[in-house]
Amino acid sequence: STPSPGAFTFKSYEVIKFVYYRSQTQSSKMQVKMEPSGKFSPLNNEFLLTLNFKCFEAPELGLNENIEDERKLLIESTIIGRFAFMNVKDLNAIPDFFYTNALAILFPLRSVYLL
């Protein structure tokens, strides 16, 4: 049987950066920032998804206050996931559901590195 259009397989991942800073306080406020980016290779039908992840300790501020200058970096990581497509020859043929699912597959793997 022929795979459905846009069918993909998760091939591998690599943690290329991981930094952990121990907090000196017992703050319960955290802020998470994720920056995904990707690159499709039509030669081998692969998509490389890069996920930059940062976790900050945030000060006790009101909801409308700017915390950019007041937060402290606790965790920073960069992970790359490699996905292979069955019937995709160019970037425009990648279905929208791939991006959500690929992030859902890759995101928990950055936590495995902590263990």
PDB file of N, CA and C in Angstrom:
ATOM      1  N   SER A   1       0.831  -1.187   0.000  1.00  0.00           N
ATOM      2  CA  SER A   1       0.000   0.000   0.000  1.00  0.00           C
ATOM      3  C   SER A   1       0.872   1.245   0.000  1.00  0.00           C
ATOM      4  N   THR A   2       0.357   2.310  -0.580  1.00  0.00           N
ATOM      5  CA  THR A   2       1.078   3.571  -0.701  1.00  0.00           C
ATOM      6  C   THR A   2       0.839   4.419   0.547  1.00  0.00           C
ATOM      7  N   PRO A   3       1.912   4.995   1.126  1.00  0.00           N
ATOM      8  CA  PRO A   3       1.725   5.869   2.292  1.00  0.00           C
ATOM      9  C   PRO A   3       0.868   7.089   1.932  1.00  0.00           C
ATOM     10  N   SER A   4       0.131   7.590   2.903  1.00  0.00           N
ATOM     11  CA  SER A   4      -0.700   8.764   2.661  1.00  0.00           C
ATOM     12  C   SER A   4       0.173   9.985   2.386  1.00  0.00           C
ATOM     13  N   PRO A   5      -0.360  10.955   1.633  1.00  0.00           N
ATOM     14  CA  PRO A   5       0.412  12.172   1.349  1.00  0.00           C
ATOM     15  C   PRO A   5       0.825  12.862   2.648  1.00  0.00           C
ATOM     16  N   GLY A   6       2.073  13.215   2.737  1.00  0.00           N
ATOM     17  CA  GLY A   6       2.565  13.896   3.929  1.00  0.00           C
ATOM     18  C   GLY A   6       2.983  12.966   5.049  1.00  0.00           C
ATOM     19  N   ALA A   7       2.907  11.646   4.830  1.00  0.00           N
ATOM     20  CA  ALA A   7       3.332  10.718   5.878  1.00  0.00           C
ATOM     21  C   ALA A   7       4.803  10.954   6.185  1.00  0.00           C
ATOM     22  N   PHE A   8       5.127  10.956   7.471  1.00  0.00           N
ATOM     23  CA  PHE A   8       6.505  11.190   7.865  1.00  0.00           C
ATOM     24  C   PHE A   8       6.915  10.238   8.984  1.00  0.00           C
ATOM     25  N   THR A   9       8.233  10.124   9.160  1.00  0.00           N
ATOM     26  CA  THR A   9       8.807   9.272  10.188  1.00  0.00           C
ATOM     27  C   THR A   9       9.824  10.075  10.985  1.00  0.00           C
ATOM     28  N   PHE A  10       9.781   9.933  12.283  1.00  0.00           N
ATOM     29  CA  PHE A  10      10.794  10.539  13.140  1.00  0.00           C
ATOM     30  C   PHE A  10      12.021   9.647  13.089  1.00  0.00           C
ATOM     31  N   LYS A  11      13.149  10.195  12.639  1.00  0.00           N
ATOM     32  CA  LYS A  11      14.362   9.399  12.447  1.00  0.00           C
ATOM     33  C   LYS A  11      15.322   9.464  13.637  1.00  0.00           C
ATOM     34  N   SER A  12      15.613  10.673  14.095  1.00  0.00           N
ATOM     35  CA  SER A  12      16.590  10.807  15.179  1.00  0.00           C
ATOM     36  C   SER A  12      16.538  12.218  15.757  1.00  0.00           C
ATOM     37  N   TYR A  13      17.250  12.389  16.861  1.00  0.00           N
ATOM     38  CA  TYR A  13      17.399  13.728  17.439  1.00  0.00           C
ATOM     39  C   TYR A  13      18.780  13.849  18.061  1.00  0.00           C
ATOM     40  N   GLU A  14      19.192  15.103  18.245  1.00  0.00           N
ATOM     41  CA  GLU A  14      20.473  15.377  18.880  1.00  0.00           C
ATOM     42  C   GLU A  14      20.353  16.653  19.704  1.00  0.00           C
ATOM     43  N   VAL A  15      20.787  16.592  20.950  1.00  0.00           N
ATOM     44  CA  VAL A  15      20.869  17.779  21.791  1.00  0.00           C
ATOM     45  C   VAL A  15      22.227  18.408  21.498  1.00  0.00           C
ATOM     46  N   ILE A  16      22.205  19.595  20.890  1.00  0.00           N
ATOM     47  CA  ILE A  16      23.476  20.217  20.521  1.00  0.00           C
ATOM     48  C   ILE A  16      23.923  21.290  21.519  1.00  0.00           C
ATOM     49  N   LYS A  17      22.987  21.673  22.407  1.00  0.00           N
ATOM     50  CA  LYS A  17      23.352  22.636  23.446  1.00  0.00           C
ATOM     51  C   LYS A  17      22.472  22.384  24.655  1.00  0.00           C
ATOM     52  N   PHE A  18      23.100  22.400  25.830  1.00  0.00           N
ATOM     53  CA  PHE A  18      22.334  22.299  27.064  1.00  0.00           C
ATOM     54  C   PHE A  18      23.080  23.030  28.159  1.00  0.00           C
ATOM     55  N   VAL A  19      22.398  23.989  28.790  1.00  0.00           N
ATOM     56  CA  VAL A  19      22.983  24.771  29.879  1.00  0.00           C
ATOM     57  C   VAL A  19      21.949  24.842  31.002  1.00  0.00           C
ATOM     58  N   TYR A  20      22.406  24.580  32.221  1.00  0.00           N
ATOM     59  CA  TYR A  20      21.537  24.666  33.393  1.00  0.00           C
ATOM     60  C   TYR A  20      22.209  25.553  34.433  1.00  0.00           C
ATOM     61  N   TYR A  21      21.465  26.532  34.912  1.00  0.00           N
ATOM     62  CA  TYR A  21      21.947  27.404  35.975  1.00  0.00           C
ATOM     63  C   TYR A  21      21.085  27.173  37.200  1.00  0.00           C
ATOM     64  N   ARG A  22      21.702  26.875  38.299  1.00  0.00           N
ATOM     65  CA  ARG A  22      20.954  26.637  39.541  1.00  0.00           C
ATOM     66  C   ARG A  22      20.434  27.956  40.090  1.00  0.00           C
ATOM     67  N   SER A  23      19.178  27.955  40.443  1.00  0.00           N
ATOM     68  CA  SER A  23      18.558  29.153  41.007  1.00  0.00           C
ATOM     69  C   SER A  23      19.005  29.344  42.453  1.00  0.00           C
ATOM     70  N   GLN A  24      19.217  30.586  42.821  1.00  0.00           N
ATOM     71  CA  GLN A  24      19.590  30.911  44.198  1.00  0.00           C
ATOM     72  C   GLN A  24      18.367  31.290  45.037  1.00  0.00           C
ATOM     73  N   THR A  25      17.217  31.346  44.397  1.00  0.00           N
ATOM     74  CA  THR A  25      15.988  31.710  45.102  1.00  0.00           C
ATOM     75  C   THR A  25      14.945  30.614  44.921  1.00  0.00           C
ATOM     76  N   GLN A  26      13.853  30.745  45.616  1.00  0.00           N
ATOM     77  CA  GLN A  26      12.760  29.780  45.547  1.00  0.00           C
ATOM     78  C   GLN A  26      11.561  30.392  44.818  1.00  0.00           C
ATOM     79  N   SER A  27      11.800  31.000  43.687  1.00  0.00           N
ATOM     80  CA  SER A  27      10.733  31.634  42.928  1.00  0.00           C
ATOM     81  C   SER A  27       9.814  30.582  42.320  1.00  0.00           C
ATOM     82  N   SER A  28       8.522  30.867  42.346  1.00  0.00           N
ATOM     83  CA  SER A  28       7.568  29.944  41.729  1.00  0.00           C
ATOM     84  C   SER A  28       7.137  30.438  40.351  1.00  0.00           C
ATOM     85  N   LYS A  29       7.627  31.585  39.960  1.00  0.00           N
ATOM     86  CA  LYS A  29       7.278  32.158  38.666  1.00  0.00           C
ATOM     87  C   LYS A  29       8.334  31.801  37.634  1.00  0.00           C
ATOM     88  N   MET A  30       7.885  31.155  36.580  1.00  0.00           N
ATOM     89  CA  MET A  30       8.778  30.779  35.492  1.00  0.00           C
ATOM     90  C   MET A  30       8.200  31.293  34.181  1.00  0.00           C
ATOM     91  N   GLN A  31       9.069  31.533  33.243  1.00  0.00           N
ATOM     92  CA  GLN A  31       8.652  31.918  31.904  1.00  0.00           C
ATOM     93  C   GLN A  31       9.422  31.057  30.917  1.00  0.00           C
ATOM     94  N   VAL A  32       8.701  30.505  29.944  1.00  0.00           N
ATOM     95  CA  VAL A  32       9.288  29.615  28.955  1.00  0.00           C
ATOM     96  C   VAL A  32       9.235  30.289  27.590  1.00  0.00           C
ATOM     97  N   LYS A  33      10.312  30.131  26.836  1.00  0.00           N
ATOM     98  CA  LYS A  33      10.374  30.681  25.484  1.00  0.00           C
ATOM     99  C   LYS A  33      10.848  29.566  24.547  1.00  0.00           C
ATOM    100  N   MET A  34      10.073  29.302  23.500  1.00  0.00           N
ATOM    101  CA  MET A  34      10.443  28.310  22.499  1.00  0.00           C
ATOM    102  C   MET A  34      10.545  28.982  21.144  1.00  0.00           C
ATOM    103  N   GLU A  35      11.602  28.663  20.419  1.00  0.00           N
ATOM    104  CA  GLU A  35      11.814  29.216  19.083  1.00  0.00           C
ATOM    105  C   GLU A  35      12.098  28.069  18.126  1.00  0.00           C
ATOM    106  N   PRO A  36      11.066  27.577  17.423  1.00  0.00           N
ATOM    107  CA  PRO A  36      11.304  26.517  16.439  1.00  0.00           C
ATOM    108  C   PRO A  36      11.692  27.099  15.082  1.00  0.00           C
ATOM    109  N   SER A  37      12.506  26.361  14.357  1.00  0.00           N
ATOM    110  CA  SER A  37      12.838  26.708  12.980  1.00  0.00           C
ATOM    111  C   SER A  37      13.146  25.405  12.250  1.00  0.00           C
ATOM    112  N   GLY A  38      13.112  25.449  10.937  1.00  0.00           N
ATOM    113  CA  GLY A  38      13.332  24.213  10.220  1.00  0.00           C
ATOM    114  C   GLY A  38      13.880  24.418   8.826  1.00  0.00           C
ATOM    115  N   LYS A  39      14.329  23.303   8.259  1.00  0.00           N
ATOM    116  CA  LYS A  39      14.913  23.331   6.925  1.00  0.00           C
ATOM    117  C   LYS A  39      14.572  22.009   6.233  1.00  0.00           C
ATOM    118  N   PHE A  40      14.007  22.114   5.030  1.00  0.00           N
ATOM    119  CA  PHE A  40      13.639  20.928   4.262  1.00  0.00           C
ATOM    120  C   PHE A  40      14.681  20.664   3.185  1.00  0.00           C
ATOM    121  N   SER A  41      15.080  19.404   3.059  1.00  0.00           N
ATOM    122  CA  SER A  41      16.021  18.996   2.028  1.00  0.00           C
ATOM    123  C   SER A  41      15.296  18.120   1.012  1.00  0.00           C
ATOM    124  N   PRO A  42      15.021  18.649  -0.191  1.00  0.00           N
ATOM    125  CA  PRO A  42      14.327  17.848  -1.205  1.00  0.00           C
ATOM    126  C   PRO A  42      15.176  16.698  -1.744  1.00  0.00           C
ATOM    127  N   LEU A  43      16.482  16.770  -1.589  1.00  0.00           N
ATOM    128  CA  LEU A  43      17.364  15.707  -2.086  1.00  0.00           C
ATOM    129  C   LEU A  43      17.118  14.373  -1.369  1.00  0.00           C
ATOM    130  N   ASN A  44      16.894  14.452  -0.059  1.00  0.00           N
ATOM    131  CA  ASN A  44      16.664  13.222   0.700  1.00  0.00           C
ATOM    132  C   ASN A  44      15.307  13.194   1.414  1.00  0.00           C
ATOM    133  N   ASN A  45      14.423  14.126   1.050  1.00  0.00           N
ATOM    134  CA  ASN A  45      13.073  14.214   1.637  1.00  0.00           C
ATOM    135  C   ASN A  45      13.103  14.274   3.159  1.00  0.00           C
ATOM    136  N   GLU A  46      14.026  15.051   3.705  1.00  0.00           N
ATOM    137  CA  GLU A  46      14.141  15.184   5.153  1.00  0.00           C
ATOM    138  C   GLU A  46      13.892  16.615   5.603  1.00  0.00           C
ATOM    139  N   PHE A  47      13.331  16.724   6.785  1.00  0.00           N
ATOM    140  CA  PHE A  47      13.103  18.014   7.425  1.00  0.00           C
ATOM    141  C   PHE A  47      13.879  18.012   8.730  1.00  0.00           C
ATOM    142  N   LEU A  48      14.744  19.020   8.911  1.00  0.00           N
ATOM    143  CA  LEU A  48      15.468  19.192  10.167  1.00  0.00           C
ATOM    144  C   LEU A  48      14.769  20.275  10.968  1.00  0.00           C
ATOM    145  N   LEU A  49      14.244  19.900  12.117  1.00  0.00           N
ATOM    146  CA  LEU A  49      13.551  20.830  12.998  1.00  0.00           C
ATOM    147  C   LEU A  49      14.479  21.186  14.152  1.00  0.00           C
ATOM    148  N   THR A  50      14.751  22.479  14.299  1.00  0.00           N
ATOM    149  CA  THR A  50      15.573  22.968  15.401  1.00  0.00           C
ATOM    150  C   THR A  50      14.661  23.635  16.415  1.00  0.00           C
ATOM    151  N   LEU A  51      14.804  23.242  17.679  1.00  0.00           N
ATOM    152  CA  LEU A  51      13.995  23.822  18.747  1.00  0.00           C
ATOM    153  C   LEU A  51      14.925  24.430  19.786  1.00  0.00           C
ATOM    154  N   ASN A  52      14.883  25.767  19.873  1.00  0.00           N
ATOM    155  CA  ASN A  52      15.607  26.482  20.922  1.00  0.00           C
ATOM    156  C   ASN A  52      14.637  26.697  22.081  1.00  0.00           C
ATOM    157  N   PHE A  53      15.061  26.298  23.267  1.00  0.00           N
ATOM    158  CA  PHE A  53      14.206  26.349  24.442  1.00  0.00           C
ATOM    159  C   PHE A  53      14.936  27.103  25.542  1.00  0.00           C
ATOM    160  N   LYS A  54      14.225  28.025  26.195  1.00  0.00           N
ATOM    161  CA  LYS A  54      14.781  28.756  27.334  1.00  0.00           C
ATOM    162  C   LYS A  54      13.738  28.813  28.442  1.00  0.00           C
ATOM    163  N   CYS A  55      14.206  28.655  29.659  1.00  0.00           N
ATOM    164  CA  CYS A  55      13.341  28.771  30.824  1.00  0.00           C
ATOM    165  C   CYS A  55      13.959  29.817  31.747  1.00  0.00           C
ATOM    166  N   PHE A  56      13.151  30.785  32.134  1.00  0.00           N
ATOM    167  CA  PHE A  56      13.612  31.891  32.962  1.00  0.00           C
ATOM    168  C   PHE A  56      12.897  31.890  34.298  1.00  0.00           C
ATOM    169  N   GLU A  57      13.603  32.323  35.311  1.00  0.00           N
ATOM    170  CA  GLU A  57      12.995  32.611  36.597  1.00  0.00           C
ATOM    171  C   GLU A  57      12.517  34.058  36.504  1.00  0.00           C
ATOM    172  N   ALA A  58      11.246  34.277  36.728  1.00  0.00           N
ATOM    173  CA  ALA A  58      10.681  35.617  36.559  1.00  0.00           C
ATOM    174  C   ALA A  58      10.433  36.258  37.925  1.00  0.00           C
ATOM    175  N   PRO A  59      10.635  37.544  38.008  1.00  0.00           N
ATOM    176  CA  PRO A  59      10.344  38.246  39.263  1.00  0.00           C
ATOM    177  C   PRO A  59       8.842  38.363  39.474  1.00  0.00           C
ATOM    178  N   GLU A  60       8.481  38.723  40.672  1.00  0.00           N
ATOM    179  CA  GLU A  60       7.068  38.925  41.016  1.00  0.00           C
ATOM    180  C   GLU A  60       6.630  40.295  40.504  1.00  0.00           C
ATOM    181  N   LEU A  61       6.063  40.318  39.302  1.00  0.00           N
ATOM    182  CA  LEU A  61       5.597  41.561  38.705  1.00  0.00           C
ATOM    183  C   LEU A  61       4.133  41.414  38.335  1.00  0.00           C
ATOM    184  N   GLY A  62       3.486  42.534  38.099  1.00  0.00           N
ATOM    185  CA  GLY A  62       2.108  42.497  37.632  1.00  0.00           C
ATOM    186  C   GLY A  62       2.025  41.953  36.218  1.00  0.00           C
ATOM    187  N   LEU A  63       0.839  41.645  35.778  1.00  0.00           N
ATOM    188  CA  LEU A  63       0.641  41.030  34.470  1.00  0.00           C
ATOM    189  C   LEU A  63       1.071  41.917  33.311  1.00  0.00           C
ATOM    190  N   ASN A  64       0.983  43.216  33.467  1.00  0.00           N
ATOM    191  CA  ASN A  64       1.281  44.118  32.359  1.00  0.00           C
ATOM    192  C   ASN A  64       2.686  44.705  32.419  1.00  0.00           C
ATOM    193  N   GLU A  65       3.496  44.253  33.354  1.00  0.00           N
ATOM    194  CA  GLU A  65       4.841  44.803  33.485  1.00  0.00           C
ATOM    195  C   GLU A  65       5.823  44.019  32.622  1.00  0.00           C
ATOM    196  N   ASN A  66       6.862  44.700  32.188  1.00  0.00           N
ATOM    197  CA  ASN A  66       7.889  44.094  31.339  1.00  0.00           C
ATOM    198  C   ASN A  66       8.916  43.380  32.210  1.00  0.00           C
ATOM    199  N   ILE A  67       9.115  42.078  31.978  1.00  0.00           N
ATOM    200  CA  ILE A  67      10.079  41.341  32.784  1.00  0.00           C
ATOM    201  C   ILE A  67      11.370  41.043  32.027  1.00  0.00           C
ATOM    202  N   GLU A  68      11.491  41.546  30.808  1.00  0.00           N
ATOM    203  CA  GLU A  68      12.669  41.236  29.986  1.00  0.00           C
ATOM    204  C   GLU A  68      13.982  41.508  30.723  1.00  0.00           C
ATOM    205  N   ASP A  69      14.087  42.615  31.412  1.00  0.00           N
ATOM    206  CA  ASP A  69      15.336  42.986  32.067  1.00  0.00           C
ATOM    207  C   ASP A  69      15.496  42.356  33.446  1.00  0.00           C
ATOM    208  N   GLU A  70      14.434  41.804  33.990  1.00  0.00           N
ATOM    209  CA  GLU A  70      14.442  41.316  35.360  1.00  0.00           C
ATOM    210  C   GLU A  70      14.530  39.801  35.488  1.00  0.00           C
ATOM    211  N   ARG A  71      14.405  39.077  34.397  1.00  0.00           N
ATOM    212  CA  ARG A  71      14.381  37.623  34.505  1.00  0.00           C
ATOM    213  C   ARG A  71      15.790  37.032  34.484  1.00  0.00           C
ATOM    214  N   LYS A  72      15.887  35.802  35.001  1.00  0.00           N
ATOM    215  CA  LYS A  72      17.169  35.129  35.095  1.00  0.00           C
ATOM    216  C   LYS A  72      17.079  33.792  34.363  1.00  0.00           C
ATOM    217  N   LEU A  73      18.020  33.544  33.457  1.00  0.00           N
ATOM    218  CA  LEU A  73      18.036  32.314  32.689  1.00  0.00           C
ATOM    219  C   LEU A  73      18.345  31.131  33.597  1.00  0.00           C
ATOM    220  N   LEU A  74      17.517  30.082  33.527  1.00  0.00           N
ATOM    221  CA  LEU A  74      17.738  28.866  34.300  1.00  0.00           C
ATOM    222  C   LEU A  74      18.164  27.699  33.415  1.00  0.00           C
ATOM    223  N   ILE A  75      17.481  27.530  32.281  1.00  0.00           N
ATOM    224  CA  ILE A  75      17.776  26.425  31.375  1.00  0.00           C
ATOM    225  C   ILE A  75      17.778  26.956  29.950  1.00  0.00           C
ATOM    226  N   GLU A  76      18.751  26.512  29.187  1.00  0.00           N
ATOM    227  CA  GLU A  76      18.789  26.826  27.757  1.00  0.00           C
ATOM    228  C   GLU A  76      19.206  25.555  27.026  1.00  0.00           C
ATOM    229  N   SER A  77      18.447  25.210  25.994  1.00  0.00           N
ATOM    230  CA  SER A  77      18.803  24.022  25.224  1.00  0.00           C
ATOM    231  C   SER A  77      18.441  24.214  23.759  1.00  0.00           C
ATOM    232  N   THR A  78      19.178  23.510  22.921  1.00  0.00           N
ATOM    233  CA  THR A  78      18.896  23.452  21.492  1.00  0.00           C
ATOM    234  C   THR A  78      18.917  21.987  21.098  1.00  0.00           C
ATOM    235  N   ILE A  79      17.840  21.564  20.451  1.00  0.00           N
ATOM    236  CA  ILE A  79      17.706  20.178  20.022  1.00  0.00           C
ATOM    237  C   ILE A  79      17.313  20.173  18.547  1.00  0.00           C
ATOM    238  N   ILE A  80      17.857  19.222  17.801  1.00  0.00           N
ATOM    239  CA  ILE A  80      17.539  19.093  16.383  1.00  0.00           C
ATOM    240  C   ILE A  80      16.908  17.721  16.159  1.00  0.00           C
ATOM    241  N   GLY A  81      15.753  17.713  15.518  1.00  0.00           N
ATOM    242  CA  GLY A  81      15.084  16.475  15.167  1.00  0.00           C
ATOM    243  C   GLY A  81      15.113  16.265  13.666  1.00  0.00           C
ATOM    244  N   ARG A  82      15.299  15.025  13.250  1.00  0.00           N
ATOM    245  CA  ARG A  82      15.347  14.694  11.823  1.00  0.00           C
ATOM    246  C   ARG A  82      14.125  13.863  11.478  1.00  0.00           C
ATOM    247  N   PHE A  83      13.351  14.341  10.505  1.00  0.00           N
ATOM    248  CA  PHE A  83      12.121  13.690  10.065  1.00  0.00           C
ATOM    249  C   PHE A  83      12.234  13.370   8.577  1.00  0.00           C
ATOM    250  N   ALA A  84      11.773  12.189   8.191  1.00  0.00           N
ATOM    251  CA  ALA A  84      11.810  11.786   6.787  1.00  0.00           C
ATOM    252  C   ALA A  84      10.375  11.711   6.261  1.00  0.00           C
ATOM    253  N   PHE A  85      10.200  12.191   5.033  1.00  0.00           N
ATOM    254  CA  PHE A  85       8.893  12.146   4.376  1.00  0.00           C
ATOM    255  C   PHE A  85       8.863  11.051   3.322  1.00  0.00           C
ATOM    256  N   MET A  86       7.670  10.491   3.100  1.00  0.00           N
ATOM    257  CA  MET A  86       7.504   9.427   2.114  1.00  0.00           C
ATOM    258  C   MET A  86       7.177   9.993   0.727  1.00  0.00           C
ATOM    259  N   ASN A  87       6.197  10.908   0.664  1.00  0.00           N
ATOM    260  CA  ASN A  87       5.693  11.405  -0.622  1.00  0.00           C
ATOM    261  C   ASN A  87       5.741  12.924  -0.728  1.00  0.00           C
ATOM    262  N   VAL A  88       6.772  13.543  -0.227  1.00  0.00           N
ATOM    263  CA  VAL A  88       6.882  15.003  -0.269  1.00  0.00           C
ATOM    264  C   VAL A  88       8.172  15.361  -1.005  1.00  0.00           C
ATOM    265  N   LYS A  89       8.023  16.191  -2.028  1.00  0.00           N
ATOM    266  CA  LYS A  89       9.189  16.564  -2.834  1.00  0.00           C
ATOM    267  C   LYS A  89       9.604  18.021  -2.664  1.00  0.00           C
ATOM    268  N   ASP A  90       8.715  18.857  -2.097  1.00  0.00           N
ATOM    269  CA  ASP A  90       9.090  20.245  -1.845  1.00  0.00           C
ATOM    270  C   ASP A  90       8.398  20.750  -0.587  1.00  0.00           C
ATOM    271  N   LEU A  91       8.889  21.866  -0.085  1.00  0.00           N
ATOM    272  CA  LEU A  91       8.421  22.433   1.179  1.00  0.00           C
ATOM    273  C   LEU A  91       6.925  22.707   1.175  1.00  0.00           C
ATOM    274  N   ASN A  92       6.378  23.165   0.063  1.00  0.00           N
ATOM    275  CA  ASN A  92       4.955  23.497  -0.011  1.00  0.00           C
ATOM    276  C   ASN A  92       4.051  22.275   0.105  1.00  0.00           C
ATOM    277  N   ALA A  93       4.593  21.090  -0.130  1.00  0.00           N
ATOM    278  CA  ALA A  93       3.793  19.859  -0.054  1.00  0.00           C
ATOM    279  C   ALA A  93       3.718  19.298   1.366  1.00  0.00           C
ATOM    280  N   ILE A  94       4.463  19.886   2.299  1.00  0.00           N
ATOM    281  CA  ILE A  94       4.401  19.416   3.686  1.00  0.00           C
ATOM    282  C   ILE A  94       3.081  19.866   4.288  1.00  0.00           C
ATOM    283  N   PRO A  95       2.279  18.938   4.795  1.00  0.00           N
ATOM    284  CA  PRO A  95       0.981  19.308   5.365  1.00  0.00           C
ATOM    285  C   PRO A  95       1.140  20.068   6.683  1.00  0.00           C
ATOM    286  N   ASP A  96       0.172  20.930   6.980  1.00  0.00           N
ATOM    287  CA  ASP A  96       0.225  21.756   8.190  1.00  0.00           C
ATOM    288  C   ASP A  96       0.316  20.918   9.462  1.00  0.00           C
ATOM    289  N   PHE A  97      -0.323  19.744   9.475  1.00  0.00           N
ATOM    290  CA  PHE A  97      -0.311  18.927  10.694  1.00  0.00           C
ATOM    291  C   PHE A  97       1.094  18.469  11.078  1.00  0.00           C
ATOM    292  N   PHE A  98       2.009  18.444  10.128  1.00  0.00           N
ATOM    293  CA  PHE A  98       3.375  18.015  10.435  1.00  0.00           C
ATOM    294  C   PHE A  98       4.020  18.918  11.480  1.00  0.00           C
ATOM    295  N   TYR A  99       3.883  20.232  11.331  1.00  0.00           N
ATOM    296  CA  TYR A  99       4.584  21.164  12.208  1.00  0.00           C
ATOM    297  C   TYR A  99       4.154  21.013  13.667  1.00  0.00           C
ATOM    298  N   THR A 100       2.871  20.890  13.909  1.00  0.00           N
ATOM    299  CA  THR A 100       2.367  20.691  15.265  1.00  0.00           C
ATOM    300  C   THR A 100       2.829  19.355  15.819  1.00  0.00           C
ATOM    301  N   ASN A 101       2.704  18.307  15.018  1.00  0.00           N
ATOM    302  CA  ASN A 101       3.085  16.975  15.487  1.00  0.00           C
ATOM    303  C   ASN A 101       4.590  16.837  15.683  1.00  0.00           C
ATOM    304  N   ALA A 102       5.371  17.434  14.808  1.00  0.00           N
ATOM    305  CA  ALA A 102       6.826  17.349  14.943  1.00  0.00           C
ATOM    306  C   ALA A 102       7.290  18.029  16.236  1.00  0.00           C
ATOM    307  N   LEU A 103       6.716  19.181  16.563  1.00  0.00           N
ATOM    308  CA  LEU A 103       7.052  19.846  17.825  1.00  0.00           C
ATOM    309  C   LEU A 103       6.634  19.001  19.019  1.00  0.00           C
ATOM    310  N   ALA A 104       5.465  18.378  18.922  1.00  0.00           N
ATOM    311  CA  ALA A 104       4.972  17.531  20.017  1.00  0.00           C
ATOM    312  C   ALA A 104       5.874  16.312  20.217  1.00  0.00           C
ATOM    313  N   ILE A 105       6.468  15.827  19.164  1.00  0.00           N
ATOM    314  CA  ILE A 105       7.399  14.693  19.259  1.00  0.00           C
ATOM    315  C   ILE A 105       8.730  15.145  19.852  1.00  0.00           C
ATOM    316  N   LEU A 106       9.234  16.262  19.386  1.00  0.00           N
ATOM    317  CA  LEU A 106      10.570  16.717  19.773  1.00  0.00           C
ATOM    318  C   LEU A 106      10.625  17.354  21.162  1.00  0.00           C
ATOM    319  N   PHE A 107       9.615  18.106  21.545  1.00  0.00           N
ATOM    320  CA  PHE A 107       9.637  18.865  22.797  1.00  0.00           C
ATOM    321  C   PHE A 107       9.931  18.001  24.025  1.00  0.00           C
ATOM    322  N   PRO A 108       9.271  16.865  24.225  1.00  0.00           N
ATOM    323  CA  PRO A 108       9.558  16.064  25.434  1.00  0.00           C
ATOM    324  C   PRO A 108      10.983  15.513  25.471  1.00  0.00           C
ATOM    325  N   LEU A 109      11.613  15.364  24.323  1.00  0.00           N
ATOM    326  CA  LEU A 109      12.958  14.802  24.288  1.00  0.00           C
ATOM    327  C   LEU A 109      13.998  15.723  24.903  1.00  0.00           C
ATOM    328  N   ARG A 110      13.743  17.021  24.943  1.00  0.00           N
ATOM    329  CA  ARG A 110      14.686  17.921  25.587  1.00  0.00           C
ATOM    330  C   ARG A 110      14.668  17.685  27.095  1.00  0.00           C
ATOM    331  N   SER A 111      13.557  17.151  27.639  1.00  0.00           N
ATOM    332  CA  SER A 111      13.487  16.836  29.072  1.00  0.00           C
ATOM    333  C   SER A 111      14.235  15.563  29.408  1.00  0.00           C
ATOM    334  N   VAL A 112      14.292  14.629  28.491  1.00  0.00           N
ATOM    335  CA  VAL A 112      15.007  13.376  28.717  1.00  0.00           C
ATOM    336  C   VAL A 112      16.466  13.658  29.006  1.00  0.00           C
ATOM    337  N   TYR A 113      16.992  14.701  28.406  1.00  0.00           N
ATOM    338  CA  TYR A 113      18.382  15.067  28.601  1.00  0.00           C
ATOM    339  C   TYR A 113      18.671  15.472  30.056  1.00  0.00           C
ATOM    340  N   LEU A 114      17.649  15.970  30.752  1.00  0.00           N
ATOM    341  CA  LEU A 114      17.818  16.392  32.139  1.00  0.00           C
ATOM    342  C   LEU A 114      18.013  15.196  33.067  1.00  0.00           C
ATOM    343  N   LEU A 115      17.478  14.052  32.706  1.00  0.00           N
ATOM    344  CA  LEU A 115      17.524  12.888  33.605  1.00  0.00           C
ATOM    345  C   LEU A 115      18.822  12.259  33.581  1.00  0.00           C
TER     346      LEU A 115
END
